[in-house]
N, C-alpha and C. Protein backbone atom coordinates (compact mmCIF):
# COMPACT_ATOMS: atom_id res chain seq x y z
N MET A 1 -15.29 2.13 -20.02
CA MET A 1 -14.55 2.81 -21.06
C MET A 1 -15.48 3.27 -22.18
N GLU A 2 -16.49 2.48 -22.46
CA GLU A 2 -17.39 2.83 -23.55
C GLU A 2 -18.14 4.13 -23.30
N THR A 3 -18.33 4.49 -22.03
CA THR A 3 -18.99 5.76 -21.74
C THR A 3 -18.10 6.94 -22.11
N ILE A 4 -16.81 6.72 -22.19
CA ILE A 4 -15.87 7.80 -22.55
C ILE A 4 -15.52 7.77 -24.04
N LEU A 5 -15.17 6.59 -24.55
CA LEU A 5 -14.70 6.48 -25.94
C LEU A 5 -15.73 5.89 -26.90
N GLY A 6 -16.83 5.42 -26.37
CA GLY A 6 -17.84 4.82 -27.24
C GLY A 6 -17.65 3.32 -27.37
N PRO A 7 -18.60 2.65 -28.00
CA PRO A 7 -18.56 1.20 -28.12
C PRO A 7 -17.32 0.72 -28.87
N ILE A 8 -16.61 -0.23 -28.29
CA ILE A 8 -15.41 -0.77 -28.94
C ILE A 8 -15.69 -2.07 -29.67
N THR A 9 -16.74 -2.78 -29.28
CA THR A 9 -17.01 -4.09 -29.88
C THR A 9 -17.19 -4.02 -31.39
N PRO A 10 -17.94 -3.07 -31.96
CA PRO A 10 -18.05 -3.02 -33.43
C PRO A 10 -16.70 -2.82 -34.11
N PHE A 11 -15.83 -1.98 -33.52
CA PHE A 11 -14.49 -1.76 -34.06
C PHE A 11 -13.69 -3.06 -34.05
N LEU A 12 -13.65 -3.74 -32.91
CA LEU A 12 -12.87 -4.98 -32.80
C LEU A 12 -13.46 -6.07 -33.68
N ASP A 13 -14.78 -6.16 -33.75
CA ASP A 13 -15.41 -7.14 -34.64
C ASP A 13 -14.98 -6.90 -36.09
N ARG A 14 -14.94 -5.62 -36.49
CA ARG A 14 -14.54 -5.27 -37.86
C ARG A 14 -13.07 -5.65 -38.09
N ILE A 15 -12.21 -5.37 -37.14
CA ILE A 15 -10.79 -5.72 -37.27
C ILE A 15 -10.64 -7.23 -37.46
N PHE A 16 -11.29 -8.02 -36.62
CA PHE A 16 -11.18 -9.47 -36.73
C PHE A 16 -11.80 -9.99 -38.03
N GLN A 17 -12.86 -9.35 -38.49
CA GLN A 17 -13.47 -9.73 -39.77
C GLN A 17 -12.49 -9.48 -40.91
N LEU A 18 -11.82 -8.34 -40.90
CA LEU A 18 -10.85 -8.01 -41.96
C LEU A 18 -9.68 -8.98 -41.94
N LEU A 19 -9.18 -9.29 -40.75
CA LEU A 19 -8.08 -10.26 -40.64
C LEU A 19 -8.52 -11.63 -41.15
N ASP A 20 -9.74 -12.04 -40.80
CA ASP A 20 -10.26 -13.33 -41.28
C ASP A 20 -10.36 -13.34 -42.80
N GLN A 21 -10.85 -12.24 -43.39
CA GLN A 21 -10.96 -12.16 -44.85
C GLN A 21 -9.59 -12.31 -45.51
N ASP A 22 -8.56 -11.78 -44.87
CA ASP A 22 -7.19 -11.88 -45.40
C ASP A 22 -6.54 -13.22 -45.06
N GLY A 23 -7.18 -14.00 -44.19
CA GLY A 23 -6.60 -15.27 -43.79
C GLY A 23 -5.46 -15.14 -42.80
N ILE A 24 -5.37 -13.99 -42.12
CA ILE A 24 -4.31 -13.78 -41.14
C ILE A 24 -4.76 -14.35 -39.80
N ASP A 25 -4.02 -15.33 -39.32
CA ASP A 25 -4.34 -16.00 -38.06
C ASP A 25 -3.62 -15.29 -36.92
N VAL A 26 -4.40 -14.64 -36.06
CA VAL A 26 -3.82 -13.93 -34.91
C VAL A 26 -4.20 -14.61 -33.60
N SER A 27 -4.71 -15.83 -33.69
CA SER A 27 -5.23 -16.51 -32.50
C SER A 27 -4.16 -16.72 -31.43
N GLN A 28 -2.91 -16.82 -31.82
CA GLN A 28 -1.84 -17.08 -30.85
C GLN A 28 -1.12 -15.81 -30.41
N TYR A 29 -1.56 -14.66 -30.88
CA TYR A 29 -0.84 -13.42 -30.59
C TYR A 29 -1.61 -12.53 -29.62
N GLU A 30 -0.86 -11.87 -28.76
CA GLU A 30 -1.47 -10.92 -27.82
C GLU A 30 -1.86 -9.65 -28.57
N LEU A 31 -3.09 -9.20 -28.35
CA LEU A 31 -3.53 -7.90 -28.84
C LEU A 31 -3.24 -6.94 -27.68
N ASP A 32 -2.14 -6.22 -27.75
CA ASP A 32 -1.67 -5.52 -26.55
C ASP A 32 -2.29 -4.14 -26.36
N HIS A 33 -2.75 -3.48 -27.44
CA HIS A 33 -3.42 -2.20 -27.22
C HIS A 33 -4.25 -1.78 -28.41
N VAL A 34 -5.15 -0.84 -28.13
CA VAL A 34 -5.95 -0.20 -29.16
C VAL A 34 -5.58 1.28 -29.17
N CYS A 35 -5.77 1.89 -30.32
CA CYS A 35 -5.49 3.32 -30.46
C CYS A 35 -6.78 4.06 -30.75
N TYR A 36 -6.98 5.17 -30.05
CA TYR A 36 -8.15 6.02 -30.24
C TYR A 36 -7.67 7.40 -30.70
N ARG A 37 -8.15 7.86 -31.84
CA ARG A 37 -7.71 9.13 -32.42
C ARG A 37 -8.69 10.26 -32.11
N VAL A 38 -8.15 11.46 -32.05
CA VAL A 38 -8.96 12.67 -31.87
C VAL A 38 -8.58 13.68 -32.95
N GLU A 39 -9.44 14.68 -33.14
CA GLU A 39 -9.20 15.69 -34.17
C GLU A 39 -8.55 16.96 -33.64
N THR A 40 -8.76 17.26 -32.33
CA THR A 40 -8.26 18.53 -31.81
C THR A 40 -7.47 18.34 -30.53
N GLU A 41 -6.65 19.33 -30.23
CA GLU A 41 -5.89 19.32 -28.97
C GLU A 41 -6.83 19.33 -27.77
N GLU A 42 -7.94 20.05 -27.90
CA GLU A 42 -8.92 20.12 -26.81
C GLU A 42 -9.51 18.74 -26.52
N GLU A 43 -9.85 18.00 -27.58
CA GLU A 43 -10.37 16.64 -27.40
C GLU A 43 -9.31 15.75 -26.74
N TYR A 44 -8.08 15.91 -27.16
CA TYR A 44 -6.99 15.12 -26.59
C TYR A 44 -6.88 15.37 -25.09
N GLU A 45 -6.83 16.62 -24.69
CA GLU A 45 -6.69 16.96 -23.28
C GLU A 45 -7.89 16.49 -22.47
N HIS A 46 -9.08 16.66 -23.04
CA HIS A 46 -10.31 16.25 -22.35
C HIS A 46 -10.33 14.72 -22.14
N LEU A 47 -10.06 13.97 -23.20
CA LEU A 47 -10.09 12.51 -23.08
C LEU A 47 -8.96 11.99 -22.20
N LYS A 48 -7.82 12.65 -22.25
CA LYS A 48 -6.71 12.25 -21.39
C LYS A 48 -7.12 12.37 -19.92
N THR A 49 -7.80 13.45 -19.59
CA THR A 49 -8.28 13.65 -18.23
C THR A 49 -9.30 12.57 -17.85
N LEU A 50 -10.23 12.27 -18.75
CA LEU A 50 -11.24 11.26 -18.47
C LEU A 50 -10.64 9.86 -18.34
N LEU A 51 -9.64 9.56 -19.15
CA LEU A 51 -9.04 8.22 -19.11
C LEU A 51 -8.29 7.96 -17.80
N HIS A 52 -7.90 9.01 -17.10
CA HIS A 52 -7.27 8.83 -15.78
C HIS A 52 -8.21 8.09 -14.81
N SER A 53 -9.51 8.21 -15.03
CA SER A 53 -10.45 7.51 -14.15
C SER A 53 -10.54 6.01 -14.47
N LEU A 54 -10.01 5.61 -15.63
CA LEU A 54 -10.10 4.21 -16.05
C LEU A 54 -8.78 3.46 -15.97
N GLY A 55 -7.67 4.20 -15.78
CA GLY A 55 -6.38 3.52 -15.75
C GLY A 55 -5.26 4.46 -15.39
N ASP A 56 -4.08 3.87 -15.29
CA ASP A 56 -2.87 4.63 -14.98
C ASP A 56 -2.21 5.12 -16.25
N LEU A 57 -1.77 6.36 -16.23
CA LEU A 57 -1.01 6.89 -17.35
C LEU A 57 0.39 6.28 -17.28
N LEU A 58 0.74 5.45 -18.27
CA LEU A 58 2.06 4.84 -18.31
C LEU A 58 3.10 5.83 -18.80
N THR A 59 2.69 6.63 -19.80
CA THR A 59 3.60 7.63 -20.35
C THR A 59 2.82 8.62 -21.20
N GLU A 60 3.39 9.79 -21.32
CA GLU A 60 2.97 10.75 -22.33
C GLU A 60 4.27 11.23 -22.95
N SER A 61 4.54 10.78 -24.14
CA SER A 61 5.81 11.04 -24.80
C SER A 61 5.60 11.78 -26.10
N LEU A 62 6.60 12.57 -26.47
CA LEU A 62 6.59 13.21 -27.78
C LEU A 62 7.07 12.20 -28.81
N ILE A 63 6.19 11.88 -29.74
CA ILE A 63 6.50 10.95 -30.82
C ILE A 63 6.01 11.58 -32.11
N GLY A 64 6.90 11.71 -33.05
CA GLY A 64 6.52 12.33 -34.31
C GLY A 64 6.09 13.77 -34.15
N GLY A 65 6.64 14.46 -33.15
CA GLY A 65 6.35 15.87 -32.97
C GLY A 65 5.08 16.20 -32.21
N ARG A 66 4.41 15.18 -31.68
CA ARG A 66 3.21 15.46 -30.89
C ARG A 66 3.12 14.46 -29.74
N PRO A 67 2.44 14.86 -28.64
CA PRO A 67 2.34 13.94 -27.50
C PRO A 67 1.40 12.77 -27.77
N ILE A 68 1.78 11.63 -27.22
CA ILE A 68 0.94 10.44 -27.24
C ILE A 68 0.88 9.91 -25.82
N ALA A 69 -0.34 9.77 -25.31
CA ALA A 69 -0.55 9.24 -23.96
C ALA A 69 -0.95 7.77 -24.07
N THR A 70 -0.39 6.96 -23.17
CA THR A 70 -0.74 5.54 -23.12
C THR A 70 -1.17 5.20 -21.71
N PHE A 71 -2.35 4.59 -21.61
CA PHE A 71 -2.93 4.22 -20.33
C PHE A 71 -3.00 2.71 -20.19
N LYS A 72 -2.72 2.22 -18.98
CA LYS A 72 -3.00 0.83 -18.65
C LYS A 72 -4.29 0.83 -17.85
N LEU A 73 -5.28 0.15 -18.37
CA LEU A 73 -6.62 0.15 -17.77
C LEU A 73 -6.65 -0.62 -16.46
N PHE A 74 -7.50 -0.17 -15.53
CA PHE A 74 -7.72 -0.91 -14.29
C PHE A 74 -8.45 -2.22 -14.59
N GLU A 75 -9.38 -2.17 -15.53
CA GLU A 75 -10.13 -3.34 -15.99
C GLU A 75 -9.92 -3.46 -17.48
N PRO A 76 -9.48 -4.61 -17.97
CA PRO A 76 -9.18 -4.72 -19.40
C PRO A 76 -10.42 -4.71 -20.27
N ILE A 77 -10.22 -4.33 -21.51
CA ILE A 77 -11.24 -4.51 -22.53
C ILE A 77 -11.28 -6.01 -22.79
N GLN A 78 -12.47 -6.60 -22.84
CA GLN A 78 -12.57 -8.03 -23.09
C GLN A 78 -13.30 -8.26 -24.42
N CYS A 79 -12.66 -9.06 -25.25
CA CYS A 79 -13.23 -9.33 -26.57
C CYS A 79 -12.71 -10.67 -27.08
N LYS A 80 -13.61 -11.56 -27.44
CA LYS A 80 -13.25 -12.84 -28.04
C LYS A 80 -12.22 -13.60 -27.20
N GLY A 81 -12.44 -13.59 -25.90
CA GLY A 81 -11.55 -14.30 -25.00
C GLY A 81 -10.22 -13.60 -24.74
N ARG A 82 -10.07 -12.40 -25.23
CA ARG A 82 -8.84 -11.62 -25.04
C ARG A 82 -9.04 -10.55 -23.99
N LYS A 83 -7.95 -10.19 -23.36
CA LYS A 83 -7.94 -9.06 -22.44
C LYS A 83 -6.95 -8.03 -23.00
N ILE A 84 -7.47 -6.85 -23.27
CA ILE A 84 -6.65 -5.77 -23.82
C ILE A 84 -6.47 -4.73 -22.73
N TRP A 85 -5.24 -4.57 -22.29
CA TRP A 85 -4.98 -3.75 -21.11
C TRP A 85 -4.64 -2.29 -21.40
N CYS A 86 -4.21 -1.97 -22.61
CA CYS A 86 -3.70 -0.61 -22.84
C CYS A 86 -4.46 0.11 -23.95
N VAL A 87 -4.57 1.43 -23.77
CA VAL A 87 -5.17 2.32 -24.76
C VAL A 87 -4.17 3.42 -25.06
N GLU A 88 -3.96 3.64 -26.34
CA GLU A 88 -3.06 4.70 -26.80
C GLU A 88 -3.92 5.86 -27.30
N LEU A 89 -3.57 7.08 -26.88
CA LEU A 89 -4.31 8.28 -27.27
C LEU A 89 -3.33 9.29 -27.84
N PRO A 90 -3.18 9.35 -29.17
CA PRO A 90 -2.30 10.35 -29.76
C PRO A 90 -3.01 11.69 -29.92
N SER A 91 -2.29 12.77 -29.68
CA SER A 91 -2.85 14.07 -30.01
C SER A 91 -2.77 14.22 -31.52
N PRO A 92 -3.54 15.13 -32.09
CA PRO A 92 -3.53 15.26 -33.55
C PRO A 92 -2.16 15.70 -34.06
N LYS A 93 -1.82 15.23 -35.24
CA LYS A 93 -0.56 15.59 -35.88
C LYS A 93 -0.86 16.59 -36.99
N THR A 94 -0.20 17.71 -36.96
CA THR A 94 -0.41 18.75 -37.96
C THR A 94 -0.22 18.17 -39.36
N GLY A 95 -1.21 18.41 -40.21
CA GLY A 95 -1.14 17.95 -41.59
C GLY A 95 -1.58 16.51 -41.80
N SER A 96 -1.95 15.82 -40.73
CA SER A 96 -2.42 14.43 -40.83
C SER A 96 -3.77 14.30 -40.15
N PRO A 97 -4.84 14.69 -40.84
CA PRO A 97 -6.16 14.62 -40.19
C PRO A 97 -6.64 13.19 -40.00
N TYR A 98 -7.23 12.94 -38.86
CA TYR A 98 -7.82 11.65 -38.54
C TYR A 98 -9.23 11.89 -38.05
N SER A 99 -10.11 10.93 -38.32
CA SER A 99 -11.45 10.99 -37.76
C SER A 99 -11.38 10.57 -36.31
N VAL A 100 -12.33 11.08 -35.52
CA VAL A 100 -12.41 10.68 -34.12
C VAL A 100 -12.86 9.24 -34.05
N GLY A 101 -12.17 8.45 -33.23
CA GLY A 101 -12.58 7.08 -33.01
C GLY A 101 -11.42 6.11 -32.94
N TYR A 102 -11.77 4.86 -32.78
CA TYR A 102 -10.77 3.81 -32.73
C TYR A 102 -10.13 3.69 -34.10
N GLU A 103 -8.80 3.57 -34.14
CA GLU A 103 -8.11 3.60 -35.42
C GLU A 103 -7.27 2.37 -35.70
N HIS A 104 -6.56 1.85 -34.72
CA HIS A 104 -5.77 0.65 -34.97
C HIS A 104 -5.61 -0.21 -33.72
N VAL A 105 -5.18 -1.43 -33.96
CA VAL A 105 -4.80 -2.37 -32.90
C VAL A 105 -3.39 -2.83 -33.20
N GLU A 106 -2.73 -3.35 -32.17
CA GLU A 106 -1.38 -3.88 -32.37
C GLU A 106 -1.26 -5.25 -31.71
N PHE A 107 -0.72 -6.17 -32.47
CA PHE A 107 -0.47 -7.53 -32.01
C PHE A 107 1.02 -7.74 -31.80
N VAL A 108 1.36 -8.55 -30.81
CA VAL A 108 2.74 -8.93 -30.55
C VAL A 108 2.98 -10.28 -31.20
N ILE A 109 3.91 -10.31 -32.16
CA ILE A 109 4.22 -11.57 -32.84
C ILE A 109 5.58 -12.08 -32.37
N ASP A 110 5.77 -13.38 -32.52
CA ASP A 110 6.99 -14.01 -31.99
C ASP A 110 7.88 -14.56 -33.10
N GLN A 111 7.84 -13.94 -34.25
CA GLN A 111 8.67 -14.40 -35.36
C GLN A 111 9.19 -13.21 -36.15
N PRO A 112 10.27 -13.41 -36.90
CA PRO A 112 10.79 -12.30 -37.71
C PRO A 112 9.73 -11.81 -38.70
N PHE A 113 9.77 -10.52 -38.99
CA PHE A 113 8.78 -9.94 -39.89
C PHE A 113 8.77 -10.63 -41.25
N ASP A 114 9.95 -10.93 -41.79
CA ASP A 114 10.00 -11.58 -43.11
C ASP A 114 9.30 -12.93 -43.08
N ASP A 115 9.46 -13.68 -42.01
CA ASP A 115 8.78 -14.97 -41.88
C ASP A 115 7.27 -14.79 -41.80
N PHE A 116 6.85 -13.80 -40.99
CA PHE A 116 5.42 -13.54 -40.84
C PHE A 116 4.82 -13.13 -42.18
N MET A 117 5.45 -12.17 -42.86
CA MET A 117 4.94 -11.72 -44.16
C MET A 117 4.98 -12.85 -45.19
N GLY A 118 5.98 -13.72 -45.08
CA GLY A 118 6.07 -14.85 -45.99
C GLY A 118 4.90 -15.81 -45.88
N ARG A 119 4.34 -15.91 -44.69
CA ARG A 119 3.15 -16.76 -44.49
C ARG A 119 1.95 -16.21 -45.24
N TYR A 120 1.98 -14.91 -45.51
CA TYR A 120 0.86 -14.23 -46.17
C TYR A 120 1.38 -13.51 -47.42
N SER A 121 2.08 -14.25 -48.26
CA SER A 121 2.81 -13.65 -49.38
C SER A 121 1.92 -12.99 -50.43
N THR A 122 0.63 -13.29 -50.43
CA THR A 122 -0.26 -12.64 -51.39
C THR A 122 -0.75 -11.28 -50.90
N LEU A 123 -0.43 -10.95 -49.65
CA LEU A 123 -0.85 -9.67 -49.07
C LEU A 123 0.31 -8.69 -49.06
N SER A 124 -0.01 -7.41 -49.13
CA SER A 124 1.05 -6.41 -49.02
C SER A 124 0.98 -5.77 -47.63
N PHE A 125 2.13 -5.64 -47.03
CA PHE A 125 2.27 -5.03 -45.72
C PHE A 125 3.05 -3.74 -45.86
N LYS A 126 2.70 -2.77 -45.03
CA LYS A 126 3.50 -1.55 -44.96
C LYS A 126 4.72 -1.89 -44.10
N THR A 127 5.90 -1.61 -44.61
CA THR A 127 7.12 -1.99 -43.91
C THR A 127 7.95 -0.79 -43.45
N LYS A 128 7.44 0.40 -43.65
CA LYS A 128 8.18 1.61 -43.23
C LYS A 128 8.56 1.53 -41.75
N GLY A 129 7.68 0.98 -40.93
CA GLY A 129 7.91 0.90 -39.48
C GLY A 129 9.00 -0.09 -39.08
N MET A 130 9.48 -0.88 -40.02
CA MET A 130 10.55 -1.82 -39.69
C MET A 130 11.85 -1.11 -39.34
N SER A 131 11.97 0.14 -39.75
CA SER A 131 13.21 0.89 -39.49
C SER A 131 13.18 1.64 -38.16
N LYS A 132 12.07 1.56 -37.43
CA LYS A 132 12.00 2.22 -36.14
C LYS A 132 13.04 1.64 -35.19
N LYS A 133 13.70 2.53 -34.43
CA LYS A 133 14.71 2.07 -33.47
C LYS A 133 14.10 1.29 -32.32
N VAL A 134 12.93 1.73 -31.87
CA VAL A 134 12.27 1.08 -30.74
C VAL A 134 11.01 0.38 -31.25
N ASN A 135 10.95 -0.91 -31.00
CA ASN A 135 9.81 -1.75 -31.34
C ASN A 135 9.35 -1.59 -32.80
N PRO A 136 10.20 -1.97 -33.74
CA PRO A 136 9.82 -1.92 -35.16
C PRO A 136 8.50 -2.65 -35.40
N GLU A 137 7.85 -2.32 -36.53
CA GLU A 137 6.54 -2.90 -36.81
C GLU A 137 6.32 -3.03 -38.31
N ILE A 138 5.35 -3.86 -38.64
CA ILE A 138 4.77 -3.92 -39.97
C ILE A 138 3.28 -3.73 -39.79
N SER A 139 2.57 -3.37 -40.86
CA SER A 139 1.14 -3.13 -40.69
C SER A 139 0.37 -3.43 -41.97
N ARG A 140 -0.94 -3.58 -41.78
CA ARG A 140 -1.91 -3.70 -42.88
C ARG A 140 -2.91 -2.57 -42.69
N LYS A 141 -3.16 -1.84 -43.77
CA LYS A 141 -4.16 -0.77 -43.75
C LYS A 141 -5.46 -1.29 -44.34
N TYR A 142 -6.56 -0.87 -43.72
CA TYR A 142 -7.90 -1.21 -44.18
C TYR A 142 -8.71 0.07 -44.20
N GLY A 143 -8.51 0.91 -45.19
CA GLY A 143 -9.19 2.20 -45.21
C GLY A 143 -8.70 3.05 -44.06
N ASP A 144 -9.60 3.45 -43.18
CA ASP A 144 -9.25 4.27 -42.01
C ASP A 144 -8.75 3.44 -40.83
N LEU A 145 -8.76 2.12 -40.96
CA LEU A 145 -8.34 1.24 -39.87
C LEU A 145 -6.98 0.63 -40.20
N ALA A 146 -6.28 0.18 -39.17
CA ALA A 146 -5.00 -0.48 -39.39
C ALA A 146 -4.78 -1.55 -38.33
N VAL A 147 -3.97 -2.53 -38.71
CA VAL A 147 -3.53 -3.57 -37.80
C VAL A 147 -2.01 -3.58 -37.89
N LYS A 148 -1.37 -3.47 -36.71
CA LYS A 148 0.09 -3.44 -36.67
C LYS A 148 0.59 -4.68 -35.94
N PHE A 149 1.79 -5.09 -36.32
CA PHE A 149 2.42 -6.26 -35.72
C PHE A 149 3.83 -5.86 -35.29
N HIS A 150 4.17 -6.17 -34.06
CA HIS A 150 5.48 -5.83 -33.53
C HIS A 150 5.94 -6.94 -32.58
N HIS A 151 7.11 -6.77 -31.95
CA HIS A 151 7.68 -7.85 -31.15
C HIS A 151 7.58 -7.66 -29.64
N HIS A 152 7.23 -6.48 -29.17
CA HIS A 152 7.12 -6.23 -27.73
C HIS A 152 5.82 -5.48 -27.45
N THR A 153 5.25 -5.74 -26.28
CA THR A 153 4.04 -5.01 -25.90
C THR A 153 4.38 -3.54 -25.67
N ILE A 154 3.38 -2.70 -25.79
CA ILE A 154 3.60 -1.28 -25.58
C ILE A 154 4.03 -1.01 -24.13
N GLU A 155 3.49 -1.77 -23.20
CA GLU A 155 3.88 -1.60 -21.80
C GLU A 155 5.35 -1.94 -21.59
N TYR A 156 5.82 -3.02 -22.21
CA TYR A 156 7.22 -3.39 -22.11
C TYR A 156 8.11 -2.30 -22.70
N VAL A 157 7.72 -1.79 -23.84
CA VAL A 157 8.51 -0.73 -24.50
C VAL A 157 8.58 0.50 -23.61
N ILE A 158 7.48 0.88 -23.03
CA ILE A 158 7.44 2.06 -22.16
C ILE A 158 8.33 1.86 -20.93
N ARG A 159 8.25 0.70 -20.33
CA ARG A 159 8.97 0.44 -19.09
C ARG A 159 10.46 0.14 -19.29
N TYR A 160 10.82 -0.51 -20.40
CA TYR A 160 12.19 -1.02 -20.51
C TYR A 160 12.98 -0.54 -21.72
N LEU A 161 12.32 -0.15 -22.77
CA LEU A 161 13.06 0.19 -23.98
C LEU A 161 13.05 1.66 -24.35
N ASP A 162 12.10 2.40 -23.86
CA ASP A 162 11.94 3.79 -24.27
C ASP A 162 13.08 4.67 -23.80
C-alpha cells in the first residue's frame, strides 16, 4: 500500500502521539479504517484504480455530494499490534480543499458518546456528527488530522446499515 499512498507509519505514529498527549486511551478499541484525501478528481480516479490491486471495493457511494470509495485490503495495515483492514478514499468536495495524504482514522467505541466524552471532560469534541442517521460519530481535530469515534465499523455500515 505504501507504494501507492506513501508511508503510513509516520501518520499513525502522529495520531497515537496526539491521543497520548490528550490522555485518550484507545487500547481497547478497533481502529477500523484510515482515510486518504486527494485534491483532484483525476487523483481520485487514479488512486481508486490502483487500490483495486490491494483490496476489494466495498462501496462507492455519494456522501455529501461527492463519491467516496471504501476498500477492504487483502492484507491489513499493521501498526502497534493492530490490523487495519479498510481504507476510505473520498473524492474532493467543492469548496473544501484538503491536502493530499492521510487525514483521519476512526475507532469503534462500545459506550455512549456522552459517557466517552465524560471520561475526557477537559477536552472538546466535535459533536456535529452525532446527528448522522447512519453511524453517528464524535471527533477530535488536530490541525489537518482528525480522530473519529463511532459505534460500528465502516464495513458493517456498508454491508448492513447503508
